[in-house]
Amino acid sequence: DLERILSEEGILLRMNRSIQAEGSFGDLKQDMQFRRYISKGT
């Protein structure tokens, strides 16, 4: 796995994981000001 993540493709995929996954949470919490659910129940 280490050999893969250090390859050019691995660097590209890991960089985009950070942008896509972490960025989405940042958008929800910061830009959309989402702090808590307003409803109850699953």
All heavy atoms as atom14 arrays in JSON, in Angstrom:
{
  "sequence": "DLERILSEEGILLRMNRSIQAEGSFGDLKQDMQFRRYISKGT",
  "atom14_mask": [
    [1, 1, 1, 1, 1, 1, 1, 1, 0, 0, 0, 0, 0, 0],
    [1, 1, 1, 1, 1, 1, 1, 1, 0, 0, 0, 0, 0, 0],
    [1, 1, 1, 1, 1, 1, 1, 1, 1, 0, 0, 0, 0, 0],
    [1, 1, 1, 1, 1, 1, 1, 1, 1, 1, 1, 0, 0, 0],
    [1, 1, 1, 1, 1, 1, 1, 1, 0, 0, 0, 0, 0, 0],
    [1, 1, 1, 1, 1, 1, 1, 1, 0, 0, 0, 0, 0, 0],
    [1, 1, 1, 1, 1, 1, 0, 0, 0, 0, 0, 0, 0, 0],
    [1, 1, 1, 1, 1, 1, 1, 1, 1, 0, 0, 0, 0, 0],
    [1, 1, 1, 1, 1, 1, 1, 1, 1, 0, 0, 0, 0, 0],
    [1, 1, 1, 1, 0, 0, 0, 0, 0, 0, 0, 0, 0, 0],
    [1, 1, 1, 1, 1, 1, 1, 1, 0, 0, 0, 0, 0, 0],
    [1, 1, 1, 1, 1, 1, 1, 1, 0, 0, 0, 0, 0, 0],
    [1, 1, 1, 1, 1, 1, 1, 1, 0, 0, 0, 0, 0, 0],
    [1, 1, 1, 1, 1, 1, 1, 1, 1, 1, 1, 0, 0, 0],
    [1, 1, 1, 1, 1, 1, 1, 1, 0, 0, 0, 0, 0, 0],
    [1, 1, 1, 1, 1, 1, 1, 1, 0, 0, 0, 0, 0, 0],
    [1, 1, 1, 1, 1, 1, 1, 1, 1, 1, 1, 0, 0, 0],
    [1, 1, 1, 1, 1, 1, 0, 0, 0, 0, 0, 0, 0, 0],
    [1, 1, 1, 1, 1, 1, 1, 1, 0, 0, 0, 0, 0, 0],
    [1, 1, 1, 1, 1, 1, 1, 1, 1, 0, 0, 0, 0, 0],
    [1, 1, 1, 1, 1, 0, 0, 0, 0, 0, 0, 0, 0, 0],
    [1, 1, 1, 1, 1, 1, 1, 1, 1, 0, 0, 0, 0, 0],
    [1, 1, 1, 1, 0, 0, 0, 0, 0, 0, 0, 0, 0, 0],
    [1, 1, 1, 1, 1, 1, 0, 0, 0, 0, 0, 0, 0, 0],
    [1, 1, 1, 1, 1, 1, 1, 1, 1, 1, 1, 0, 0, 0],
    [1, 1, 1, 1, 0, 0, 0, 0, 0, 0, 0, 0, 0, 0],
    [1, 1, 1, 1, 1, 1, 1, 1, 0, 0, 0, 0, 0, 0],
    [1, 1, 1, 1, 1, 1, 1, 1, 0, 0, 0, 0, 0, 0],
    [1, 1, 1, 1, 1, 1, 1, 1, 1, 0, 0, 0, 0, 0],
    [1, 1, 1, 1, 1, 1, 1, 1, 1, 0, 0, 0, 0, 0],
    [1, 1, 1, 1, 1, 1, 1, 1, 0, 0, 0, 0, 0, 0],
    [1, 1, 1, 1, 1, 1, 1, 1, 0, 0, 0, 0, 0, 0],
    [1, 1, 1, 1, 1, 1, 1, 1, 1, 0, 0, 0, 0, 0],
    [1, 1, 1, 1, 1, 1, 1, 1, 1, 1, 1, 0, 0, 0],
    [1, 1, 1, 1, 1, 1, 1, 1, 1, 1, 1, 0, 0, 0],
    [1, 1, 1, 1, 1, 1, 1, 1, 1, 1, 1, 0, 0, 0],
    [1, 1, 1, 1, 1, 1, 1, 1, 1, 1, 1, 1, 0, 0],
    [1, 1, 1, 1, 1, 1, 1, 1, 0, 0, 0, 0, 0, 0],
    [1, 1, 1, 1, 1, 1, 0, 0, 0, 0, 0, 0, 0, 0],
    [1, 1, 1, 1, 1, 1, 1, 1, 1, 0, 0, 0, 0, 0],
    [1, 1, 1, 1, 0, 0, 0, 0, 0, 0, 0, 0, 0, 0],
    [1, 1, 1, 1, 1, 1, 1, 0, 0, 0, 0, 0, 0, 0]
  ],
  "atom14_positions": [
    [[0.83, -1.2, 0.0], [0.0, 0.0, 0.0], [0.87, 1.26, 0.0], [0.58, 2.23, -0.71], [-0.9, -0.01, 1.23], [-1.7, 1.26, 1.4], [-2.72, 1.42, 0.7], [-1.31, 2.11, 2.23], [0.0, 0.0, 0.0], [0.0, 0.0, 0.0], [0.0, 0.0, 0.0], [0.0, 0.0, 0.0], [0.0, 0.0, 0.0], [0.0, 0.0, 0.0]],
    [[1.95, 1.24, 0.77], [2.84, 2.4, 0.86], [3.46, 2.72, -0.5], [3.58, 3.89, -0.87], [3.93, 2.14, 1.9], [4.87, 3.3, 2.21], [4.09, 4.49, 2.76], [5.95, 2.88, 3.19], [0.0, 0.0, 0.0], [0.0, 0.0, 0.0], [0.0, 0.0, 0.0], [0.0, 0.0, 0.0], [0.0, 0.0, 0.0], [0.0, 0.0, 0.0]],
    [[3.83, 1.69, -1.23], [4.4, 1.91, -2.56], [3.38, 2.55, -3.48], [3.73, 3.39, -4.33], [4.87, 0.57, -3.14], [6.08, 0.0, -2.42], [6.47, -1.38, -2.92], [5.82, -1.86, -3.89], [7.39, -1.99, -2.37], [0.0, 0.0, 0.0], [0.0, 0.0, 0.0], [0.0, 0.0, 0.0], [0.0, 0.0, 0.0], [0.0, 0.0, 0.0]],
    [[2.11, 2.19, -3.32], [1.06, 2.78, -4.17], [0.8, 4.23, -3.81], [0.68, 5.09, -4.7], [-0.24, 1.97, -4.05], [-0.26, 0.7, -4.87], [-1.65, 0.12, -4.95], [-2.12, -0.39, -3.67], [-1.94, -1.63, -3.25], [-1.28, -2.5, -4.01], [-2.39, -2.04, -2.08], [0.0, 0.0, 0.0], [0.0, 0.0, 0.0], [0.0, 0.0, 0.0]],
    [[0.72, 4.56, -2.52], [0.37, 5.93, -2.16], [1.51, 6.91, -2.44], [1.28, 8.11, -2.54], [-0.07, 6.06, -0.68], [1.11, 5.84, 0.27], [-1.21, 5.11, -0.36], [0.78, 6.2, 1.71], [0.0, 0.0, 0.0], [0.0, 0.0, 0.0], [0.0, 0.0, 0.0], [0.0, 0.0, 0.0], [0.0, 0.0, 0.0], [0.0, 0.0, 0.0]],
    [[2.73, 6.39, -2.58], [3.86, 7.26, -2.89], [4.09, 7.4, -4.39], [4.94, 8.18, -4.82], [5.14, 6.71, -2.23], [5.17, 6.75, -0.7], [6.44, 6.12, -0.17], [5.0, 8.17, -0.18], [0.0, 0.0, 0.0], [0.0, 0.0, 0.0], [0.0, 0.0, 0.0], [0.0, 0.0, 0.0], [0.0, 0.0, 0.0], [0.0, 0.0, 0.0]],
    [[3.32, 6.65, -5.19], [3.42, 6.78, -6.64], [2.73, 8.06, -7.09], [2.02, 8.72, -6.31], [2.77, 5.57, -7.32], [1.37, 5.58, -7.09], [0.0, 0.0, 0.0], [0.0, 0.0, 0.0], [0.0, 0.0, 0.0], [0.0, 0.0, 0.0], [0.0, 0.0, 0.0], [0.0, 0.0, 0.0], [0.0, 0.0, 0.0], [0.0, 0.0, 0.0]],
    [[2.91, 8.43, -8.35], [2.27, 9.64, -8.88], [0.76, 9.53, -8.77], [0.08, 10.5, -8.41], [2.69, 9.86, -10.33], [4.14, 10.28, -10.5], [4.48, 10.62, -11.94], [3.54, 10.7, -12.76], [5.67, 10.81, -12.25], [0.0, 0.0, 0.0], [0.0, 0.0, 0.0], [0.0, 0.0, 0.0], [0.0, 0.0, 0.0], [0.0, 0.0, 0.0]],
    [[0.23, 8.36, -9.1], [-1.22, 8.16, -9.01], [-1.69, 8.25, -7.56], [-2.73, 8.83, -7.26], [-1.62, 6.82, -9.61], [-3.12, 6.57, -9.6], [-3.51, 5.25, -10.21], [-2.68, 4.32, -10.21], [-4.66, 5.13, -10.7], [0.0, 0.0, 0.0], [0.0, 0.0, 0.0], [0.0, 0.0, 0.0], [0.0, 0.0, 0.0], [0.0, 0.0, 0.0]],
    [[-0.9, 7.65, -6.66], [-1.27, 7.68, -5.25], [-1.3, 9.09, -4.7], [-2.2, 9.45, -3.93], [0.0, 0.0, 0.0], [0.0, 0.0, 0.0], [0.0, 0.0, 0.0], [0.0, 0.0, 0.0], [0.0, 0.0, 0.0], [0.0, 0.0, 0.0], [0.0, 0.0, 0.0], [0.0, 0.0, 0.0], [0.0, 0.0, 0.0], [0.0, 0.0, 0.0]],
    [[-0.34, 9.91, -5.06], [-0.31, 11.31, -4.61], [-1.52, 12.06, -5.15], [-2.16, 12.85, -4.43], [0.99, 11.98, -5.07], [2.19, 11.34, -4.37], [0.96, 13.49, -4.8], [3.54, 11.8, -4.9], [0.0, 0.0, 0.0], [0.0, 0.0, 0.0], [0.0, 0.0, 0.0], [0.0, 0.0, 0.0], [0.0, 0.0, 0.0], [0.0, 0.0, 0.0]],
    [[-1.87, 11.8, -6.41], [-3.03, 12.45, -7.02], [-4.31, 12.06, -6.29], [-5.14, 12.92, -5.97], [-3.12, 12.05, -8.5], [-4.33, 12.57, -9.26], [-4.27, 14.09, -9.42], [-4.45, 11.91, -10.63], [0.0, 0.0, 0.0], [0.0, 0.0, 0.0], [0.0, 0.0, 0.0], [0.0, 0.0, 0.0], [0.0, 0.0, 0.0], [0.0, 0.0, 0.0]],
    [[-4.49, 10.76, -6.02], [-5.71, 10.29, -5.37], [-5.81, 10.79, -3.93], [-6.89, 11.2, -3.49], [-5.75, 8.76, -5.4], [-5.86, 8.1, -6.77], [-5.87, 6.58, -6.65], [-7.09, 8.58, -7.52], [0.0, 0.0, 0.0], [0.0, 0.0, 0.0], [0.0, 0.0, 0.0], [0.0, 0.0, 0.0], [0.0, 0.0, 0.0], [0.0, 0.0, 0.0]],
    [[-4.71, 10.78, -3.2], [-4.75, 11.23, -1.81], [-5.03, 12.73, -1.71], [-5.75, 13.18, -0.82], [-3.46, 10.88, -1.09], [-3.32, 9.39, -0.79], [-2.15, 9.09, 0.12], [-0.88, 9.44, -0.49], [-0.01, 10.29, 0.05], [-0.29, 10.9, 1.19], [1.14, 10.55, -0.54], [0.0, 0.0, 0.0], [0.0, 0.0, 0.0], [0.0, 0.0, 0.0]],
    [[-4.46, 13.51, -2.63], [-4.72, 14.94, -2.63], [-6.2, 15.22, -2.88], [-6.82, 16.05, -2.21], [-3.87, 15.63, -3.69], [-4.01, 17.16, -3.69], [-3.39, 17.93, -5.19], [-4.7, 17.52, -6.35], [0.0, 0.0, 0.0], [0.0, 0.0, 0.0], [0.0, 0.0, 0.0], [0.0, 0.0, 0.0], [0.0, 0.0, 0.0], [0.0, 0.0, 0.0]],
    [[-6.77, 14.5, -3.83], [-8.17, 14.71, -4.15], [-9.12, 14.16, -3.09], [-10.2, 14.69, -2.9], [-8.49, 14.09, -5.51], [-8.09, 14.99, -6.66], [-8.85, 15.86, -7.09], [-6.88, 14.82, -7.17], [0.0, 0.0, 0.0], [0.0, 0.0, 0.0], [0.0, 0.0, 0.0], [0.0, 0.0, 0.0], [0.0, 0.0, 0.0], [0.0, 0.0, 0.0]],
    [[-8.7, 13.12, -2.38], [-9.51, 12.64, -1.25], [-9.65, 13.74, -0.21], [-10.72, 14.0, 0.32], [-8.88, 11.4, -0.61], [-9.77, 10.77, 0.48], [-8.97, 10.19, 1.62], [-8.34, 11.22, 2.43], [-8.95, 11.88, 3.41], [-10.23, 11.63, 3.69], [-8.32, 12.8, 4.1], [0.0, 0.0, 0.0], [0.0, 0.0, 0.0], [0.0, 0.0, 0.0]],
    [[-8.53, 14.4, 0.06], [-8.53, 15.47, 1.04], [-9.45, 16.61, 0.6], [-10.24, 17.14, 1.38], [-7.11, 15.99, 1.26], [-7.1, 17.05, 2.18], [0.0, 0.0, 0.0], [0.0, 0.0, 0.0], [0.0, 0.0, 0.0], [0.0, 0.0, 0.0], [0.0, 0.0, 0.0], [0.0, 0.0, 0.0], [0.0, 0.0, 0.0], [0.0, 0.0, 0.0]],
    [[-9.35, 16.97, -0.68], [-10.18, 18.07, -1.21], [-11.65, 17.7, -1.16], [-12.5, 18.48, -0.71], [-9.76, 18.41, -2.65], [-8.36, 19.02, -2.68], [-10.75, 19.38, -3.29], [-7.8, 19.21, -4.08], [0.0, 0.0, 0.0], [0.0, 0.0, 0.0], [0.0, 0.0, 0.0], [0.0, 0.0, 0.0], [0.0, 0.0, 0.0], [0.0, 0.0, 0.0]],
    [[-11.98, 16.5, -1.63], [-13.37, 16.11, -1.77], [-14.04, 15.78, -0.44], [-15.14, 16.25, -0.15], [-13.47, 14.92, -2.72], [-13.07, 15.25, -4.15], [-13.07, 14.04, -5.06], [-13.7, 13.03, -4.77], [-12.35, 14.13, -6.17], [0.0, 0.0, 0.0], [0.0, 0.0, 0.0], [0.0, 0.0, 0.0], [0.0, 0.0, 0.0], [0.0, 0.0, 0.0]],
    [[-13.37, 14.97, 0.37], [-13.98, 14.54, 1.62], [-13.96, 15.64, 2.68], [-15.0, 15.99, 3.24], [-13.27, 13.28, 2.14], [0.0, 0.0, 0.0], [0.0, 0.0, 0.0], [0.0, 0.0, 0.0], [0.0, 0.0, 0.0], [0.0, 0.0, 0.0], [0.0, 0.0, 0.0], [0.0, 0.0, 0.0], [0.0, 0.0, 0.0], [0.0, 0.0, 0.0]],
    [[-12.78, 16.17, 2.94], [-12.68, 17.21, 3.98], [-13.33, 18.5, 3.53], [-13.93, 19.22, 4.33], [-11.2, 17.44, 4.33], [-10.42, 16.2, 4.71], [-10.99, 15.48, 5.91], [-11.67, 16.14, 6.74], [-10.77, 14.26, 6.03], [0.0, 0.0, 0.0], [0.0, 0.0, 0.0], [0.0, 0.0, 0.0], [0.0, 0.0, 0.0], [0.0, 0.0, 0.0]],
    [[-13.25, 18.8, 2.24], [-13.86, 20.03, 1.73], [-15.36, 20.05, 1.89], [-15.96, 21.08, 2.18], [0.0, 0.0, 0.0], [0.0, 0.0, 0.0], [0.0, 0.0, 0.0], [0.0, 0.0, 0.0], [0.0, 0.0, 0.0], [0.0, 0.0, 0.0], [0.0, 0.0, 0.0], [0.0, 0.0, 0.0], [0.0, 0.0, 0.0], [0.0, 0.0, 0.0]],
    [[-16.0, 18.88, 1.71], [-17.46, 18.8, 1.84], [-17.91, 19.12, 3.26], [-18.9, 19.82, 3.47], [-17.94, 17.4, 1.44], [-17.68, 17.15, 0.08], [0.0, 0.0, 0.0], [0.0, 0.0, 0.0], [0.0, 0.0, 0.0], [0.0, 0.0, 0.0], [0.0, 0.0, 0.0], [0.0, 0.0, 0.0], [0.0, 0.0, 0.0], [0.0, 0.0, 0.0]],
    [[-17.17, 18.61, 4.24], [-17.51, 18.91, 5.63], [-17.27, 20.38, 5.94], [-18.03, 21.01, 6.69], [-16.69, 18.03, 6.58], [-17.2, 16.62, 6.68], [-16.68, 15.63, 5.88], [-18.22, 16.3, 7.56], [-17.15, 14.33, 5.95], [-18.7, 15.0, 7.64], [-18.16, 14.01, 6.84], [0.0, 0.0, 0.0], [0.0, 0.0, 0.0], [0.0, 0.0, 0.0]],
    [[-16.23, 20.93, 5.36], [-15.97, 22.36, 5.55], [-17.07, 23.21, 4.95], [-17.49, 24.22, 5.54], [0.0, 0.0, 0.0], [0.0, 0.0, 0.0], [0.0, 0.0, 0.0], [0.0, 0.0, 0.0], [0.0, 0.0, 0.0], [0.0, 0.0, 0.0], [0.0, 0.0, 0.0], [0.0, 0.0, 0.0], [0.0, 0.0, 0.0], [0.0, 0.0, 0.0]],
    [[-17.57, 22.83, 3.78], [-18.66, 23.57, 3.14], [-19.91, 23.55, 4.0], [-20.58, 24.58, 4.19], [-18.97, 22.97, 1.76], [-17.87, 23.22, 0.76], [-17.07, 24.14, 0.99], [-17.82, 22.5, -0.25], [0.0, 0.0, 0.0], [0.0, 0.0, 0.0], [0.0, 0.0, 0.0], [0.0, 0.0, 0.0], [0.0, 0.0, 0.0], [0.0, 0.0, 0.0]],
    [[-20.24, 22.37, 4.53], [-21.46, 22.23, 5.34], [-21.35, 23.04, 6.64], [-22.29, 23.74, 7.02], [-21.73, 20.76, 5.66], [-22.19, 19.87, 4.51], [-22.3, 18.42, 4.98], [-23.53, 20.34, 3.97], [0.0, 0.0, 0.0], [0.0, 0.0, 0.0], [0.0, 0.0, 0.0], [0.0, 0.0, 0.0], [0.0, 0.0, 0.0], [0.0, 0.0, 0.0]],
    [[-20.23, 22.93, 7.3], [-20.1, 23.55, 8.61], [-19.8, 25.04, 8.54], [-20.31, 25.82, 9.36], [-19.01, 22.84, 9.41], [-19.34, 21.38, 9.73], [-18.19, 20.68, 10.42], [-17.98, 21.21, 11.82], [-16.94, 20.45, 12.55], [0.0, 0.0, 0.0], [0.0, 0.0, 0.0], [0.0, 0.0, 0.0], [0.0, 0.0, 0.0], [0.0, 0.0, 0.0]],
    [[-19.0, 25.47, 7.57], [-18.61, 26.87, 7.5], [-19.5, 27.67, 6.56], [-20.13, 28.65, 6.97], [-17.15, 26.98, 7.04], [-16.6, 28.39, 7.04], [-16.55, 29.02, 8.43], [-16.3, 28.31, 9.41], [-16.76, 30.32, 8.53], [0.0, 0.0, 0.0], [0.0, 0.0, 0.0], [0.0, 0.0, 0.0], [0.0, 0.0, 0.0], [0.0, 0.0, 0.0]],
    [[-19.57, 27.26, 5.3], [-20.32, 28.03, 4.31], [-21.83, 27.95, 4.53], [-22.54, 28.95, 4.39], [-19.99, 27.55, 2.89], [-18.53, 27.79, 2.54], [-17.88, 28.55, 3.27], [-18.05, 27.2, 1.56], [0.0, 0.0, 0.0], [0.0, 0.0, 0.0], [0.0, 0.0, 0.0], [0.0, 0.0, 0.0], [0.0, 0.0, 0.0], [0.0, 0.0, 0.0]],
    [[-22.32, 26.74, 4.85], [-23.77, 26.56, 5.04], [-24.17, 26.73, 6.51], [-25.35, 26.62, 6.85], [-24.2, 25.2, 4.52], [-23.94, 25.02, 3.02], [-24.29, 23.35, 2.4], [-26.07, 23.28, 2.62], [0.0, 0.0, 0.0], [0.0, 0.0, 0.0], [0.0, 0.0, 0.0], [0.0, 0.0, 0.0], [0.0, 0.0, 0.0], [0.0, 0.0, 0.0]],
    [[-23.18, 26.95, 7.37], [-23.42, 27.2, 8.8], [-24.22, 26.08, 9.47], [-25.06, 26.32, 10.35], [-24.16, 28.54, 8.98], [-23.33, 29.75, 8.58], [-22.1, 29.93, 9.46], [-22.22, 30.05, 10.68], [-20.92, 29.92, 8.84], [0.0, 0.0, 0.0], [0.0, 0.0, 0.0], [0.0, 0.0, 0.0], [0.0, 0.0, 0.0], [0.0, 0.0, 0.0]],
    [[-23.96, 24.84, 9.05], [-24.67, 23.7, 9.66], [-23.95, 23.29, 10.93], [-22.79, 22.89, 10.9], [-24.74, 22.53, 8.69], [-25.42, 21.32, 9.27], [-26.79, 21.3, 9.44], [-24.68, 20.21, 9.65], [-27.43, 20.2, 9.99], [-25.31, 19.1, 10.2], [-26.68, 19.09, 10.37], [0.0, 0.0, 0.0], [0.0, 0.0, 0.0], [0.0, 0.0, 0.0]],
    [[-24.64, 23.39, 12.07], [-24.03, 23.08, 13.35], [-24.72, 21.92, 14.07], [-24.1, 21.2, 14.83], [-24.06, 24.31, 14.27], [-23.14, 25.45, 13.79], [-21.67, 25.04, 13.94], [-20.75, 26.14, 13.59], [-20.28, 26.37, 12.38], [-20.66, 25.56, 11.39], [-19.46, 27.36, 12.13], [0.0, 0.0, 0.0], [0.0, 0.0, 0.0], [0.0, 0.0, 0.0]],
    [[-25.99, 21.73, 13.84], [-26.72, 20.67, 14.52], [-27.99, 20.32, 13.76], [-28.51, 21.13, 13.0], [-27.08, 21.08, 15.95], [-27.9, 22.35, 16.03], [-28.24, 22.7, 17.47], [-29.12, 21.71, 18.06], [-29.6, 21.77, 19.31], [-29.25, 22.8, 20.08], [-30.39, 20.85, 19.77], [0.0, 0.0, 0.0], [0.0, 0.0, 0.0], [0.0, 0.0, 0.0]],
    [[-28.47, 19.09, 13.97], [-29.72, 18.67, 13.34], [-30.88, 19.31, 14.09], [-30.86, 19.43, 15.32], [-29.86, 17.15, 13.38], [-28.93, 16.44, 12.42], [-27.69, 15.96, 12.85], [-29.29, 16.25, 11.09], [-26.83, 15.31, 11.97], [-28.44, 15.6, 10.21], [-27.22, 15.14, 10.65], [-26.37, 14.5, 9.78], [0.0, 0.0, 0.0], [0.0, 0.0, 0.0]],
    [[-31.89, 19.71, 13.34], [-33.04, 20.36, 13.96], [-34.18, 19.36, 14.2], [-35.2, 19.72, 14.79], [-33.57, 21.52, 13.07], [-34.0, 21.0, 11.7], [-32.51, 22.59, 12.93], [-34.63, 22.06, 10.82], [0.0, 0.0, 0.0], [0.0, 0.0, 0.0], [0.0, 0.0, 0.0], [0.0, 0.0, 0.0], [0.0, 0.0, 0.0], [0.0, 0.0, 0.0]],
    [[-34.0, 18.12, 13.77], [-35.03, 17.1, 13.94], [-34.53, 15.97, 14.85], [-33.34, 15.88, 15.14], [-35.45, 16.52, 12.59], [-34.32, 16.02, 11.9], [0.0, 0.0, 0.0], [0.0, 0.0, 0.0], [0.0, 0.0, 0.0], [0.0, 0.0, 0.0], [0.0, 0.0, 0.0], [0.0, 0.0, 0.0], [0.0, 0.0, 0.0], [0.0, 0.0, 0.0]],
    [[-35.44, 15.12, 15.26], [-35.12, 13.97, 16.1], [-35.61, 12.7, 15.44], [-36.53, 12.72, 14.64], [-35.77, 14.12, 17.49], [-35.24, 15.29, 18.31], [-35.89, 15.32, 19.68], [-35.34, 16.47, 20.53], [-35.99, 16.51, 21.87], [0.0, 0.0, 0.0], [0.0, 0.0, 0.0], [0.0, 0.0, 0.0], [0.0, 0.0, 0.0], [0.0, 0.0, 0.0]],
    [[-34.98, 11.59, 15.78], [-35.37, 10.31, 15.21], [-34.5, 9.95, 14.0], [-34.11, 10.83, 13.23], [0.0, 0.0, 0.0], [0.0, 0.0, 0.0], [0.0, 0.0, 0.0], [0.0, 0.0, 0.0], [0.0, 0.0, 0.0], [0.0, 0.0, 0.0], [0.0, 0.0, 0.0], [0.0, 0.0, 0.0], [0.0, 0.0, 0.0], [0.0, 0.0, 0.0]],
    [[-34.24, 8.67, 13.85], [-33.34, 8.2, 12.79], [-33.83, 8.6, 11.41], [-33.06, 9.1, 10.58], [-33.19, 6.67, 12.86], [-32.71, 6.29, 14.15], [-32.21, 6.17, 11.79], [0.0, 0.0, 0.0], [0.0, 0.0, 0.0], [0.0, 0.0, 0.0], [0.0, 0.0, 0.0], [0.0, 0.0, 0.0], [0.0, 0.0, 0.0], [0.0, 0.0, 0.0]]
  ]
}
